[in-house]
Amino acid sequence: MTDVTMSRRQLLKVGAGLGTGVIASGLPLSQAVWAAEGKELIARSYADINKLDPGFYQNAYNVDVMNCIYTKLTRYVPGSEWGWELEGAESVEQVDPTHIRFRLKKGIQFTGGYGELTAEDVKFSFERVIEHDSPVKGDWGPLDHVEIEDDYTGVIVLKNPFVPLWNITLPYGCGHIVSKKAVMEATGNGGDFGMNPPCFSGPYVLEEWKPNQSILLARNPEWKGPKPGFDRVRILPIGDVKTAERAYQAGDLDFTDFSLDSLATLKSSPPADTTIEEKPSLYYVYVGMNTDHPKLQDINVRKAIQWAINIPQIMDAAYSGQAEVATGLIAPGLVGHREKALVPPEGDLEKAREYLAKAGVENLTLTIDALNQNTFSTIAEVVQAQLSQIGIVVEVNVQDSGSFWTIGMESEGERWKEMQLIVQRFSMVPDPYYATTFFVRDQVGVWNWERFKSERFDELNELAVAVEDDEERAKLYHEMQDIMEESGAYRFLTHEGSPIMYRASKVKAATRPDGRPLYIDFDPASN
């Protein structure tokens, strides 16, 4: 799904440990962040890192760091158009629909004396995702195995064609390559090493991590590839976007995203020495409903909630009218984007009351969970007010990220049984599969917190990844989004937007088309 939010997705999706960084201690950032010799970039992340194993990655903000400390075969190209280019590979070619041959560049070194990156490490890195039943194994779809031809050459063998391999698998989270020797020594079985990377192979190494305060990346002295523009990258986890905006205006950040409700003001009166760019977002935000909860098992209750929610009112309150209404999971510009949703954006209170009457429910009380950020708490409060108009009383539960991002996970306890409504936000990458694959039945209790189950949806999700024709593929994703909406478990709200700003005299920012930073491509403004 993401920074889903939890870029899983996120899936998008912010993760455990999110806070307001060093600001939480009461120190101004300018005092808390020490000055150092050399060129240092200071950027904001909306959450603290909590998983640096690419085979088991969580959330887009972890991947932002992994992009700096590991190597992949391919990588996203910075700029305004989605595309990929070679990174650790000298060549990658599709031999036939189920075989992809790669040849590695020579001389890529692992730190710590673990030697050169070879095809054996590629095989190990990719296959361990499947062998250890990783929560993000869907990124690899029908991977069967990797064949080794020599030290630098191998063939990725798929059971079936898998179109998303080029847009998701190789250039994103699971595409990062780790050292087989180092990981086996560290874990014993090749499993998840969590926040303890045994070595690095990218332009930077993780020099220091102070949980909820800062992440410091420093140049990797063993890196033989293109030299990154900055000697160090310091990333500050600042959960509250308004706090990040104030930190930037105080001169304590060189790069940050910012809230849509500040866009008009900052465009008309930007901070000194600042470049502002508006980027289209791939995030998707929705109100979800736990279909297994006794109060929400009746589809008529869920449909009443769907029709009672007025999305334009939410856009005005939570985004100052700067965000567009979504039609589904898949953002404009991607294969599978729907022209319109089945339930109109404004809903219909009379129709909502009719569904509630059909359910025979009176004096219904519900809870809605939301992340403790102003945007999401505002969404929850507006939904609370809207549902009150059809006689449903809603209690808003605002939670920090450590609590929020475990609500629907069965592996984290029994809280999923109590979850009712939730304001959810997940991150995306440029292929519709990354949105839909987390809602199949196998993901119930993992990322499918609505516990949505549809055999037809699962069939379509499997079929769509093998269809190369965009028009035919889009039809399948349209139907899948229809099925989700018809279940009553989802009210799709928005894809938000991704405005960014950066210090023009210090940095030339480099991002994906959706505004996510690609730190190894940042350059000092003087270059």
Protein backbone atom coordinates (compact mmCIF):
# COMPACT_ATOMS: atom_id res chain seq x y z
CA MET A 1 0.00 0.00 0.00
CA THR A 2 3.15 2.11 0.86
CA ASP A 3 3.90 6.11 3.69
CA VAL A 4 -0.23 2.94 2.62
CA THR A 5 1.10 6.11 3.85
CA MET A 6 1.68 2.90 4.64
CA SER A 7 3.67 3.98 1.27
CA ARG A 8 2.85 -0.31 1.62
CA ARG A 9 1.59 0.60 0.59
CA GLN A 10 2.34 3.69 1.18
CA LEU A 11 0.88 1.23 1.50
CA LEU A 12 1.28 4.87 2.66
CA LYS A 13 0.50 4.98 5.74
CA VAL A 14 2.64 6.40 8.49
CA GLY A 15 4.28 4.11 11.00
CA ALA A 16 5.25 3.56 14.58
CA GLY A 17 7.24 6.14 16.43
CA LEU A 18 5.90 9.19 14.63
CA GLY A 19 6.29 12.30 16.66
CA THR A 20 7.29 15.90 16.27
CA GLY A 21 10.97 15.04 16.27
CA VAL A 22 13.36 17.17 18.29
CA ILE A 23 10.70 19.82 18.53
CA ALA A 24 8.92 17.56 21.02
CA SER A 25 11.78 18.10 23.44
CA GLY A 26 11.10 21.81 23.54
CA LEU A 27 14.33 22.71 21.74
CA PRO A 28 14.21 24.83 18.60
CA LEU A 29 15.47 22.84 15.66
CA SER A 30 18.21 25.38 15.07
CA GLN A 31 19.67 24.49 18.47
CA ALA A 32 18.96 20.78 18.38
CA VAL A 33 20.56 20.16 14.96
CA TRP A 34 24.29 20.63 15.21
CA ALA A 35 26.21 22.31 12.45
CA ALA A 36 28.84 20.16 10.77
CA GLU A 37 31.56 20.60 8.21
CA GLY A 38 30.64 19.70 4.67
CA LYS A 39 27.36 19.99 2.80
CA GLU A 40 24.38 18.77 4.76
CA LEU A 41 20.80 18.55 3.54
CA ILE A 42 18.10 18.78 6.21
CA ALA A 43 14.70 17.41 5.18
CA ARG A 44 11.45 16.53 6.87
CA SER A 45 9.81 13.12 6.96
CA TYR A 46 6.26 12.73 8.22
CA ALA A 47 7.27 9.72 10.35
CA ASP A 48 10.28 8.05 11.86
CA ILE A 49 11.83 5.00 10.23
CA ASN A 50 10.83 1.68 11.75
CA LYS A 51 11.90 -0.99 9.25
CA LEU A 52 15.04 -0.99 7.10
CA ASP A 53 14.78 -4.54 5.76
CA PRO A 54 13.66 -4.16 2.12
CA GLY A 55 12.31 -7.68 2.00
CA PHE A 56 9.82 -6.81 4.74
CA TYR A 57 9.58 -3.05 4.25
CA GLN A 58 6.81 -0.92 5.69
CA ASN A 59 5.77 2.48 4.43
CA ALA A 60 7.18 4.88 1.90
CA TYR A 61 9.26 6.87 4.39
CA ASN A 62 11.36 3.77 5.11
CA VAL A 63 11.88 3.29 1.37
CA ASP A 64 13.06 6.91 1.08
CA VAL A 65 15.98 5.95 3.33
CA MET A 66 16.53 2.51 1.74
CA ASN A 67 16.98 4.24 -1.63
CA CYS A 68 20.10 5.85 -0.15
CA ILE A 69 21.72 2.91 1.62
CA TYR A 70 21.06 -0.06 -0.69
CA THR A 71 21.28 -0.74 -4.43
CA LYS A 72 18.53 -1.92 -6.81
CA LEU A 73 18.64 -3.19 -10.37
CA THR A 74 16.56 -0.20 -11.48
CA ARG A 75 15.31 3.04 -9.95
CA TYR A 76 12.68 5.69 -10.56
CA VAL A 77 13.79 8.59 -12.73
CA PRO A 78 13.46 11.97 -10.97
CA GLY A 79 11.25 14.50 -12.73
CA SER A 80 7.66 14.99 -13.80
CA GLU A 81 7.15 11.78 -15.80
CA TRP A 82 7.07 8.25 -14.38
CA GLY A 83 9.84 6.07 -15.67
CA TRP A 84 12.76 3.91 -14.60
CA GLU A 85 16.46 3.69 -15.38
CA LEU A 86 19.27 1.30 -14.58
CA GLU A 87 20.91 1.55 -11.17
CA GLY A 88 22.86 -1.54 -10.04
CA ALA A 89 22.25 -3.31 -13.32
CA GLU A 90 24.26 -2.85 -16.49
CA SER A 91 21.29 -4.24 -18.40
CA VAL A 92 17.82 -5.65 -17.76
CA GLU A 93 15.81 -7.25 -20.55
CA GLN A 94 12.55 -9.15 -20.83
CA VAL A 95 13.48 -12.34 -22.64
CA ASP A 96 9.86 -13.52 -22.76
CA PRO A 97 6.74 -12.81 -20.63
CA THR A 98 8.07 -14.84 -17.68
CA HIS A 99 11.87 -14.42 -17.91
CA ILE A 100 13.84 -11.23 -17.19
CA ARG A 101 17.61 -11.37 -17.60
CA PHE A 102 19.83 -8.90 -15.72
CA ARG A 103 23.54 -8.21 -15.73
CA LEU A 104 25.04 -6.37 -12.77
CA LYS A 105 27.56 -3.57 -12.88
CA LYS A 106 30.90 -4.74 -11.54
CA GLY A 107 32.48 -3.30 -8.42
CA ILE A 108 29.44 -2.55 -6.23
CA GLN A 109 30.68 -3.24 -2.72
CA PHE A 110 28.94 -4.13 0.53
CA THR A 111 30.33 -2.40 3.59
CA GLY A 112 31.82 -4.30 6.53
CA GLY A 113 34.03 -6.48 4.38
CA TYR A 114 31.14 -8.43 2.85
CA GLY A 115 32.52 -8.12 -0.63
CA GLU A 116 31.10 -7.43 -4.04
CA LEU A 117 27.41 -7.51 -4.86
CA THR A 118 26.75 -10.54 -7.06
CA ALA A 119 23.90 -12.40 -8.73
CA GLU A 120 23.84 -14.70 -5.70
CA ASP A 121 22.87 -11.71 -3.55
CA VAL A 122 20.14 -10.76 -6.03
CA LYS A 123 18.73 -14.30 -5.93
CA PHE A 124 18.80 -14.35 -2.14
CA SER A 125 17.25 -10.89 -1.79
CA PHE A 126 14.33 -11.60 -4.11
CA GLU A 127 13.56 -15.17 -3.10
CA ARG A 128 13.61 -14.48 0.67
CA VAL A 129 10.54 -12.27 0.26
CA ILE A 130 8.56 -15.31 -0.86
CA GLU A 131 10.28 -17.95 1.28
CA HIS A 132 9.67 -16.04 4.50
CA ASP A 133 6.08 -15.12 3.60
CA SER A 134 6.76 -11.38 3.83
CA PRO A 135 3.73 -9.10 4.30
CA VAL A 136 4.80 -7.39 1.06
CA LYS A 137 5.33 -10.57 -0.94
CA GLY A 138 2.58 -9.33 -3.26
CA ASP A 139 5.14 -6.93 -4.73
CA TRP A 140 6.80 -9.97 -6.28
CA GLY A 141 3.53 -11.48 -7.46
CA PRO A 142 4.22 -14.80 -9.26
CA LEU A 143 7.98 -14.96 -8.63
CA ASP A 144 9.18 -18.55 -8.90
CA HIS A 145 12.94 -18.26 -8.53
CA VAL A 146 16.08 -16.54 -9.79
CA GLU A 147 18.54 -18.51 -11.89
CA ILE A 148 22.24 -17.64 -11.67
CA GLU A 149 24.24 -17.73 -14.91
CA ASP A 150 27.50 -16.29 -13.57
CA ASP A 151 28.67 -13.89 -10.85
CA TYR A 152 27.00 -10.92 -12.52
CA THR A 153 24.22 -12.40 -14.61
CA GLY A 154 20.93 -13.99 -13.64
CA VAL A 155 17.37 -14.59 -14.81
CA ILE A 156 14.23 -13.72 -12.84
CA VAL A 157 11.75 -16.52 -13.49
CA LEU A 158 8.03 -15.86 -13.01
CA LYS A 159 5.22 -18.41 -12.90
CA ASN A 160 3.01 -16.03 -14.89
CA PRO A 161 3.45 -12.69 -16.65
CA PHE A 162 3.60 -9.79 -14.17
CA VAL A 163 3.36 -6.29 -15.64
CA PRO A 164 3.83 -4.44 -12.29
CA LEU A 165 7.38 -5.83 -11.99
CA TRP A 166 8.66 -2.83 -13.96
CA ASN A 167 6.68 -0.14 -12.13
CA ILE A 168 6.74 -1.50 -8.57
CA THR A 169 8.89 -4.52 -7.82
CA LEU A 170 12.29 -3.59 -9.21
CA PRO A 171 12.44 0.19 -8.64
CA TYR A 172 10.72 0.25 -5.23
CA GLY A 173 10.93 -1.45 -1.81
CA CYS A 174 11.44 -5.15 -2.57
CA GLY A 175 13.86 -4.35 -5.36
CA HIS A 176 16.69 -3.45 -2.97
CA ILE A 177 19.51 -5.99 -2.82
CA VAL A 178 21.07 -7.14 0.46
CA SER A 179 24.16 -9.23 1.18
CA LYS A 180 23.36 -12.93 1.53
CA LYS A 181 26.38 -13.54 3.73
CA ALA A 182 25.69 -10.59 6.02
CA VAL A 183 21.98 -11.28 6.44
CA MET A 184 22.50 -14.99 7.09
CA GLU A 185 25.09 -14.15 9.76
CA ALA A 186 22.75 -11.61 11.33
CA THR A 187 19.53 -13.63 11.28
CA GLY A 188 20.52 -17.27 11.01
CA ASN A 189 17.74 -18.04 8.54
CA GLY A 190 17.69 -15.10 6.14
CA GLY A 191 14.60 -13.58 7.76
CA ASP A 192 13.65 -10.07 8.77
CA PHE A 193 16.51 -8.01 10.25
CA GLY A 194 14.20 -5.11 11.10
CA MET A 195 16.08 -1.98 12.10
CA ASN A 196 19.53 -3.61 12.18
CA PRO A 197 20.99 -3.59 8.67
CA PRO A 198 24.15 -5.73 8.74
CA CYS A 199 25.75 -3.73 5.90
CA PHE A 200 25.10 -1.19 3.16
CA SER A 201 25.72 -0.90 -0.58
CA GLY A 202 24.35 2.49 -1.60
CA PRO A 203 25.79 6.02 -1.88
CA TYR A 204 25.10 6.59 1.83
CA VAL A 205 25.31 4.64 5.07
CA LEU A 206 23.11 5.07 8.11
CA GLU A 207 25.54 6.89 10.39
CA GLU A 208 23.18 7.67 13.26
CA TRP A 209 19.56 7.18 14.21
CA LYS A 210 18.01 8.90 17.19
CA PRO A 211 14.46 7.54 17.41
CA ASN A 212 11.84 10.27 16.99
CA GLN A 213 14.60 12.87 16.62
CA SER A 214 16.76 12.45 13.54
CA ILE A 215 18.15 10.12 10.91
CA LEU A 216 21.67 10.92 9.69
CA LEU A 217 22.95 9.50 6.42
CA ALA A 218 26.63 9.99 5.53
CA ARG A 219 28.57 9.29 2.36
CA ASN A 220 29.57 5.65 1.89
CA PRO A 221 33.37 5.68 1.40
CA GLU A 222 33.16 2.38 -0.49
CA TRP A 223 30.64 3.67 -3.02
CA LYS A 224 32.09 3.71 -6.56
CA GLY A 225 29.05 5.06 -8.40
CA PRO A 226 27.94 8.65 -9.07
CA LYS A 227 28.75 10.86 -6.11
CA PRO A 228 25.68 12.25 -4.32
CA GLY A 229 25.45 16.02 -4.01
CA PHE A 230 25.49 16.23 -0.23
CA ASP A 231 27.98 14.84 2.27
CA ARG A 232 25.18 14.13 4.72
CA VAL A 233 21.41 13.94 4.64
CA ARG A 234 19.68 14.60 7.94
CA ILE A 235 16.01 13.61 8.01
CA LEU A 236 13.84 14.93 10.83
CA PRO A 237 10.64 13.03 11.66
CA ILE A 238 8.04 15.75 12.18
CA GLY A 239 4.60 14.22 12.33
CA ASP A 240 2.57 17.41 12.33
CA VAL A 241 2.72 19.13 8.96
CA LYS A 242 2.02 22.56 10.46
CA THR A 243 5.02 22.12 12.73
CA ALA A 244 7.07 21.27 9.65
CA GLU A 245 5.88 24.43 7.91
CA ARG A 246 6.91 26.55 10.89
CA ALA A 247 10.28 24.78 11.06
CA TYR A 248 10.89 25.55 7.39
CA GLN A 249 9.95 29.20 7.80
CA ALA A 250 12.31 29.42 10.78
CA GLY A 251 15.16 28.21 8.55
CA ASP A 252 15.49 24.81 10.19
CA LEU A 253 14.62 22.72 7.13
CA ASP A 254 15.91 22.82 3.56
CA PHE A 255 13.15 20.66 2.08
CA THR A 256 9.65 19.69 3.15
CA ASP A 257 6.23 18.91 1.87
CA PHE A 258 3.41 21.01 3.28
CA SER A 259 -0.35 20.99 3.73
CA LEU A 260 -2.82 21.70 0.98
CA ASP A 261 -4.67 24.16 3.19
CA SER A 262 -1.49 26.28 3.26
CA LEU A 263 -0.95 26.12 -0.50
CA ALA A 264 -2.81 29.26 -1.51
CA THR A 265 -1.17 31.34 1.22
CA LEU A 266 2.35 30.09 0.55
CA LYS A 267 1.98 30.53 -3.21
CA SER A 268 0.84 34.13 -2.83
CA SER A 269 3.42 34.94 -0.17
CA PRO A 270 6.22 32.37 -0.21
CA PRO A 271 8.98 32.33 2.40
CA ALA A 272 12.16 34.08 1.33
CA ASP A 273 14.50 32.16 -0.96
CA THR A 274 11.95 29.40 -1.55
CA THR A 275 10.86 27.39 -4.54
CA ILE A 276 7.35 25.95 -4.35
CA GLU A 277 6.24 23.10 -6.59
CA GLU A 278 2.81 21.50 -6.84
CA LYS A 279 2.93 17.74 -7.42
CA PRO A 280 0.05 15.35 -8.12
CA SER A 281 -0.35 12.80 -5.37
CA LEU A 282 -0.84 9.05 -5.60
CA TYR A 283 -2.05 8.76 -2.01
CA TYR A 284 -5.58 7.53 -1.51
CA VAL A 285 -7.68 8.52 1.49
CA TYR A 286 -10.92 6.80 2.41
CA VAL A 287 -13.30 5.97 5.23
CA GLY A 288 -13.27 2.22 5.80
CA MET A 289 -15.65 -0.02 7.74
CA ASN A 290 -14.87 -3.27 9.52
CA THR A 291 -17.31 -5.64 7.84
CA ASP A 292 -16.80 -8.28 10.55
CA HIS A 293 -17.85 -6.01 13.41
CA PRO A 294 -21.38 -6.89 14.62
CA LYS A 295 -22.58 -3.30 14.16
CA LEU A 296 -21.36 -3.18 10.55
CA GLN A 297 -22.12 -6.66 9.25
CA ASP A 298 -25.39 -5.51 7.64
CA ILE A 299 -24.56 -4.04 4.22
CA ASN A 300 -27.51 -1.67 4.59
CA VAL A 301 -25.82 -0.02 7.58
CA ARG A 302 -22.63 0.39 5.58
CA LYS A 303 -24.48 1.84 2.62
CA ALA A 304 -26.29 4.27 4.91
CA ILE A 305 -22.89 5.52 6.07
CA GLN A 306 -21.61 5.77 2.50
CA TRP A 307 -24.57 7.88 1.38
CA ALA A 308 -24.46 10.09 4.48
CA ILE A 309 -20.88 11.19 3.83
CA ASN A 310 -20.62 14.41 1.83
CA ILE A 311 -17.11 14.50 0.37
CA PRO A 312 -17.02 18.15 -0.85
CA GLN A 313 -17.78 19.25 2.71
CA ILE A 314 -14.81 17.18 3.91
CA MET A 315 -12.55 18.68 1.22
CA ASP A 316 -13.48 22.20 2.34
CA ALA A 317 -12.93 21.49 6.03
CA ALA A 318 -9.82 19.30 5.89
CA TYR A 319 -8.04 20.61 2.79
CA SER A 320 -9.36 24.20 2.44
CA GLY A 321 -10.90 23.16 -0.85
CA GLN A 322 -7.47 22.46 -2.39
CA ALA A 323 -7.93 18.68 -2.84
CA GLU A 324 -9.99 16.98 -5.54
CA VAL A 325 -12.63 14.34 -4.83
CA ALA A 326 -11.48 10.78 -5.55
CA THR A 327 -13.42 8.32 -7.69
CA GLY A 328 -11.74 5.26 -6.21
CA LEU A 329 -8.34 3.93 -5.16
CA ILE A 330 -6.56 4.73 -8.40
CA ALA A 331 -5.45 8.30 -9.03
CA PRO A 332 -5.89 10.26 -12.27
CA GLY A 333 -3.16 9.51 -14.77
CA LEU A 334 -2.81 5.85 -13.79
CA VAL A 335 -4.22 2.85 -15.64
CA GLY A 336 -7.57 1.96 -14.06
CA HIS A 337 -8.66 5.42 -12.88
CA ARG A 338 -12.47 5.59 -12.83
CA GLU A 339 -14.29 8.61 -14.26
CA LYS A 340 -16.77 8.59 -11.38
CA ALA A 341 -17.73 6.67 -8.26
CA LEU A 342 -20.99 4.76 -7.86
CA VAL A 343 -22.07 6.93 -4.91
CA PRO A 344 -22.07 10.62 -5.88
CA PRO A 345 -19.63 12.88 -4.00
CA GLU A 346 -22.36 14.73 -2.13
CA GLY A 347 -24.14 11.55 -1.07
CA ASP A 348 -27.85 11.74 -0.25
CA LEU A 349 -29.17 11.93 3.31
CA GLU A 350 -32.63 10.65 2.38
CA LYS A 351 -31.17 7.60 0.69
CA ALA A 352 -28.93 7.09 3.70
CA ARG A 353 -31.93 7.13 6.03
CA GLU A 354 -33.69 4.63 3.76
CA TYR A 355 -30.80 2.18 4.03
CA LEU A 356 -30.73 2.60 7.81
CA ALA A 357 -34.46 1.94 8.00
CA LYS A 358 -34.03 -1.16 5.84
CA ALA A 359 -31.46 -2.41 8.34
CA GLY A 360 -33.95 -1.85 11.16
CA VAL A 361 -31.30 -0.15 13.26
CA GLU A 362 -31.97 2.60 15.76
CA ASN A 363 -29.79 4.45 18.28
CA LEU A 364 -26.62 3.25 16.53
CA THR A 365 -23.35 4.31 18.13
CA LEU A 366 -20.01 3.85 16.39
CA THR A 367 -16.35 4.77 16.77
CA ILE A 368 -14.07 6.20 14.11
CA ASP A 369 -10.29 5.96 14.40
CA ALA A 370 -7.97 8.57 12.93
CA LEU A 371 -4.30 9.42 13.02
CA ASN A 372 -3.40 12.34 15.28
CA GLN A 373 -2.78 14.77 12.45
CA ASN A 374 -5.03 17.73 11.91
CA THR A 375 -6.19 16.67 8.45
CA PHE A 376 -7.35 13.23 9.54
CA SER A 377 -8.88 14.30 12.83
CA THR A 378 -10.81 16.95 10.90
CA ILE A 379 -12.08 14.33 8.45
CA ALA A 380 -13.24 12.18 11.37
CA GLU A 381 -15.02 15.12 12.99
CA VAL A 382 -16.82 16.04 9.76
CA VAL A 383 -17.93 12.43 9.30
CA GLN A 384 -19.10 12.48 12.93
CA ALA A 385 -21.27 15.52 12.19
CA GLN A 386 -22.59 14.10 8.92
CA LEU A 387 -23.61 10.76 10.42
CA SER A 388 -25.39 12.56 13.24
CA GLN A 389 -27.79 13.86 10.59
CA ILE A 390 -29.10 10.32 10.08
CA GLY A 391 -29.16 9.52 13.80
CA ILE A 392 -25.81 7.75 14.15
CA VAL A 393 -23.71 8.84 17.11
CA VAL A 394 -19.98 8.62 16.42
CA GLU A 395 -17.10 8.83 18.89
CA VAL A 396 -13.80 10.04 17.40
CA ASN A 397 -10.64 8.22 18.56
CA VAL A 398 -7.46 10.10 17.62
CA GLN A 399 -4.29 8.05 18.04
CA ASP A 400 -0.56 8.43 17.55
CA SER A 401 0.98 6.47 14.72
CA GLY A 402 2.40 3.70 16.89
CA SER A 403 -1.11 2.87 18.03
CA PHE A 404 -2.96 3.69 14.83
CA TRP A 405 -0.94 1.55 12.46
CA THR A 406 -1.53 -1.64 14.43
CA ILE A 407 -5.31 -1.35 14.81
CA GLY A 408 -6.28 -3.78 12.08
CA MET A 409 -3.35 -6.16 12.24
CA GLU A 410 -4.19 -9.55 13.71
CA SER A 411 -0.49 -10.10 14.45
CA GLU A 412 -0.63 -7.18 16.90
CA GLY A 413 -3.44 -8.47 19.13
CA GLU A 414 -7.22 -8.30 19.32
CA ARG A 415 -7.86 -4.62 18.56
CA TRP A 416 -9.07 -5.44 15.06
CA LYS A 417 -12.19 -6.92 16.59
CA GLU A 418 -13.14 -3.56 18.11
CA MET A 419 -12.32 -1.40 15.09
CA GLN A 420 -15.44 0.03 13.45
CA LEU A 421 -14.88 3.04 11.18
CA ILE A 422 -11.42 4.30 10.22
CA VAL A 423 -9.98 7.24 8.31
CA GLN A 424 -7.29 5.57 6.23
CA ARG A 425 -4.53 6.91 3.99
CA PHE A 426 -2.11 4.82 1.98
CA SER A 427 0.71 5.69 -0.37
CA MET A 428 1.04 4.44 -3.92
CA VAL A 429 3.50 3.82 -6.70
CA PRO A 430 2.61 4.12 -10.39
CA ASP A 431 0.79 0.86 -11.00
CA PRO A 432 -2.83 0.06 -10.02
CA TYR A 433 -1.82 -3.34 -8.67
CA TYR A 434 -0.19 -1.59 -5.72
CA ALA A 435 -3.60 -0.24 -4.68
CA THR A 436 -5.75 -3.31 -5.17
CA THR A 437 -3.48 -6.15 -4.05
CA PHE A 438 -3.76 -5.21 -0.39
CA PHE A 439 -7.52 -5.80 -0.42
CA VAL A 440 -7.53 -9.46 -1.47
CA ARG A 441 -8.70 -12.07 1.01
CA ASP A 442 -5.15 -13.12 1.92
CA GLN A 443 -4.61 -9.59 3.25
CA VAL A 444 -7.48 -9.71 5.75
CA GLY A 445 -5.95 -8.89 9.10
CA VAL A 446 -2.72 -7.72 7.47
CA TRP A 447 -3.49 -4.56 5.46
CA ASN A 448 -7.09 -5.33 4.56
CA TRP A 449 -8.51 -3.91 7.77
CA GLU A 450 -12.05 -3.65 6.43
CA ARG A 451 -11.89 -7.45 6.17
CA PHE A 452 -13.39 -7.14 2.70
CA LYS A 453 -13.72 -10.48 0.93
CA SER A 454 -14.60 -11.05 -2.71
CA GLU A 455 -13.69 -14.06 -4.83
CA ARG A 456 -14.33 -12.09 -8.01
CA PHE A 457 -12.10 -9.25 -6.83
CA ASP A 458 -9.27 -11.69 -6.15
CA GLU A 459 -9.68 -13.26 -9.59
CA LEU A 460 -9.55 -9.89 -11.31
CA ASN A 461 -6.53 -8.83 -9.26
CA GLU A 462 -4.68 -11.90 -10.49
CA LEU A 463 -5.81 -11.50 -14.09
CA ALA A 464 -5.01 -7.81 -14.39
CA VAL A 465 -1.27 -8.13 -13.74
CA ALA A 466 -0.81 -10.22 -16.90
CA VAL A 467 -2.69 -7.86 -19.26
CA GLU A 468 -0.33 -5.61 -21.23
CA ASP A 469 -2.96 -3.61 -23.11
CA ASP A 470 -3.72 -0.55 -20.96
CA GLU A 471 -7.31 -0.20 -22.08
CA GLU A 472 -8.20 -3.81 -21.38
CA ARG A 473 -6.32 -3.73 -18.10
CA ALA A 474 -8.16 -0.57 -17.03
CA LYS A 475 -11.53 -2.29 -17.43
CA LEU A 476 -10.53 -4.91 -14.88
CA TYR A 477 -9.47 -2.28 -12.34
CA HIS A 478 -12.69 -0.35 -12.91
CA GLU A 479 -14.69 -3.45 -12.02
CA MET A 480 -12.53 -4.12 -8.96
CA GLN A 481 -13.18 -0.64 -7.59
CA ASP A 482 -16.90 -1.09 -8.30
CA ILE A 483 -16.86 -4.32 -6.27
CA MET A 484 -15.16 -2.58 -3.34
CA GLU A 485 -17.65 0.27 -3.36
CA GLU A 486 -20.65 -2.06 -3.77
CA SER A 487 -19.55 -3.88 -0.60
CA GLY A 488 -20.44 -0.75 1.36
CA ALA A 489 -17.12 -0.95 3.20
CA TYR A 490 -15.46 2.04 1.51
CA ARG A 491 -16.12 5.71 0.93
CA PHE A 492 -13.30 7.01 -1.26
CA LEU A 493 -12.43 10.61 -0.41
CA THR A 494 -9.39 12.07 -2.16
CA HIS A 495 -5.89 11.59 -3.52
CA GLU A 496 -4.84 14.80 -1.81
CA GLY A 497 -1.90 16.61 -3.46
CA SER A 498 1.83 16.87 -2.81
CA PRO A 499 3.10 20.44 -2.71
CA ILE A 500 6.77 20.79 -1.75
CA MET A 501 9.07 23.70 -0.94
CA TYR A 502 12.82 23.97 -0.68
CA ARG A 503 15.59 26.49 -0.02
CA ALA A 504 16.53 27.72 -3.49
CA SER A 505 19.97 29.08 -2.52
CA LYS A 506 20.99 25.78 -0.92
CA VAL A 507 19.45 22.90 -2.78
CA LYS A 508 18.20 21.66 -6.13
CA ALA A 509 15.52 19.19 -5.10
CA ALA A 510 14.91 15.95 -6.98
CA THR A 511 11.66 14.03 -6.54
CA ARG A 512 9.49 11.40 -8.11
CA PRO A 513 6.58 12.85 -10.11
CA ASP A 514 4.43 12.65 -6.97
CA GLY A 515 6.84 14.76 -4.89
CA ARG A 516 8.54 12.01 -2.88
CA PRO A 517 12.21 12.90 -2.37
CA LEU A 518 15.00 11.03 -4.12
CA TYR A 519 17.78 12.21 -1.84
CA ILE A 520 20.68 10.75 -3.81
CA ASP A 521 19.72 13.04 -6.70
CA PHE A 522 19.58 16.24 -4.65
CA ASP A 523 22.33 18.72 -5.50
CA PRO A 524 23.63 21.84 -3.79
CA ALA A 525 22.29 24.93 -5.53
CA SER A 526 25.82 26.02 -6.41
CA ASN A 527 26.41 22.95 -8.58
